[in-house]
Structure formats: C-alpha cells, structure tokens
Amino acid sequence: MPVSRLSDLSDRALAPRLVVKVGSALLVGKQGVRREWLTALVAEIAEARARGQDVIVVSSGAIALGAATLGLDKGGRGSLADAQAAAAVGQIALSGLWAELLGSHGLTAAQMLLTLDDLEDRRRYLNVTATLTRLLDAGAVPVINENDSVATQEIRFGDNDRLAARVAQAAQASAVLLLSDIDGLYDRHPKEPGARMIPVVEGVTPEVHAMASAESNSGMGSGGMVSKLQAAEIAELAGICLVIGNGQHDRPVERIMAQGIGTLFLPRRRAGARKAWLGGRLRLKGSIHVDAGAAAALLRGSSLLAKGVTGVEGHFERGDPVAIVDAGARVVAHGLSEYHAGECDAIRGLHSSEQAEVLGYSPRSSVVHRDQLVLK
C-alpha cells in the first residue's frame, strides 16, 4: 500500500527511509545557530530512528555559518570566492553541530559532501548509492551538503532542494521532506488575497509549475518554489513522494505528519533505476529537435529515428545526455545519444537506407534508443 497522506510518512512499513532537507534560514538566524530549534528537530530524527526508519539529512547552512565567522557581507554570497571561503569554514562547524546533537541520542553522524558531477556521472552516482547504503546499514545518519568550497557555478546544484531529491534517488528513499519557510504549495503567490494551499499534488504538470514563485522569503538560501517543484519532478521519476512543509515551527516534522500541514507530491509513475537517474539529470550536453510525428512516436514508447529529427544544438558525443525537444519547444524526453552532434545533424530527416552513404558505415537502429530514453 503506497503513501497517500502525510501521516503515512511516520509508518515504517510505508516509509522505511526518509530524506529531510533543512534550509539555511531554518538553521541559522540573525543571532547565529538556532540551537534550540535544531535540538528539537534532531529529537524528531531520533524518534523516527526509534520507529525503525532510516533518516538521511541534507543540511544547508555552511555558507551562512562561515560568513558570520569571517565577517563577510551578503551572507557570504557576495561572490563565488566568498561563498567558497565561507563554506570551507562553516562546514566544520555545521558537521560538528550535527555530530554533537545526534550523538546526544546515541546516533552517529556521517558527513558527505557532493557536487553535481558526483550524481550526474553514472559510476560516481553508483558509488554514492553504495556509500549511503553501507552507512545506513551500519546505523549512521548521513548528513549531506553540497561541496560549496570547491563547486563552481557550472557544477553546482544551486540549491539543496534538488540535491535532496537526487540523494533520495541514490538512496532509494521513500520520501523527501523539504523543510522551508512556507506551509506548502499555493495556487498563487501566498501573499495574494484568496491564495489556497494545495494539500496533495498528483504529478507535477505545467499547471502546477504555473503556481510557483521563485522567491525565497528569507533571502538567505538559494532556492524557491521553482526549485522545489524541480525536486518533486526528480523524485517522481523514482516513485518517491516529496513534501513541502514549514520548518519554522517547533518540531516541524510532527506538525507535518501528525497535523497534516504541508503539500504532498504523489508520483504518477516510476521509471527504472537507470531511467530515473537519467531523467533527473540537471546538466545536458545538447538538444535534438524533432517533428510532431517523432514526438508522438516517443510518447507511444518508440525510439527516436533520424527521419524525425529536424535540428541539433550543442556539442555532444555518443553516449552523452541530450534533451529531445518537440516543434513547440517543449522538452518531451531526455536520452543518451547514439551519435555525436555532427553525425546527428548530417543524418537528420533521412531514412535508414540513406544514412550509410552519409556516415560511411551502417547506421545504428536509432538516434536515441527507447531503452536509453525517459519521457518528461
């Protein structure tokens, strides 16, 4: 029986493994670490462990903590160099804080710092999965953050919402709890009159995206509702539930689960492990544009053939991830290309019988095979 309501997330049988994401503004206030609040949250994590649930924490806060220590303005986000320096100092304090508080409940904290490349590269992704599995089997509580001290703009997640969803995929978690500064997803900006919170969302659709605001109320973090919906899409591919809830209250997890205050995103579908990894990728090497017939064929479960290709963008090699874009500029799928960009462009619009003369060798069965493709 799958999760269908927020209270199900406290049931070990329905949700044996949880990922809890803590935003910067929740962990660090104007006076420094919100220690009393964090102590109560750690008690909730210990209670989940006592129920037999695994818990993984994705914790922001290193940049904010380091900026305060170093006296950097703009919360340490004035420049990339400031953010990297702040993270290097703050991560020590952050990991020590989690280790101390979890240790007070007899729990062992394990630190993992990840960059985008760690989860975008298939082999490194599997290494992350293996490490998380071993830590959880050993009874530890993994505490994960983006490796901001070395990550540049090109290899950053940009926020820990999407990182939490990718970690949940790697860990084969049951649900992701995004603790934020808002109760959930509203049908319009929550400051507008008549705004209504949506309690349950079954699949992230264009209509759901239209409800999102990119604003982050605190000004301290880097995410907003847009990034949370992107996280929900990543989780959905792996059949993982995602919750947006307000972390500003004492014992926020209890408020979400017991009182049912939050937005629960239920996945409409579940892709296989490899396809979930592929569909959750945040960085693609290029795009292949297709006509209406090819787009319709993809939706029916077919591979992408050169005949339906109308254009190619980017510089990619065989095996690189690409977006497949229809005539209306909508991304319909992600997939691994069977050709490099130049070859794709050379054979676009051609039947298979015409491709050998252009390529100089017998063509492959498809430009993107259906087994290496996931619909968006």
Foldseek 3Di string as FASTA:
>chain_A
DEDDFLLCCLQCVRFQEEEEEDFQCQQADPVGGPLVQVLLQLVVVLVSVVNNHAYAYEYDHQQQRLCVVVVPPLSQVPDLQSSLRSNVVSVVVVQVSVQVSNVVSVAGEDEDEAWLVCLLDPVSLLVLLVVLVVCVVVRHHYYYYHNSNPDDPVTHPQFCLQVSLSSCLSPVGAEYEYAAADQEQWQAPPVDPPIDHALEAEDCDPSSLVRWDQDGVVSNGRGGRNSNSLSQNLNLQQQHKYWYGHSNDRNGSCCCNVVVGTYIYGHPDYHPSLQSSQQSRPDFQWEWEFEPVQLVVVVVLFFAALLGTDDITGWAAQQTKYFYAYPVRDGFKIFGFRGTRVLSHQSHNHDQVPSCVRVVHRDDPHRGGSVGMDTD
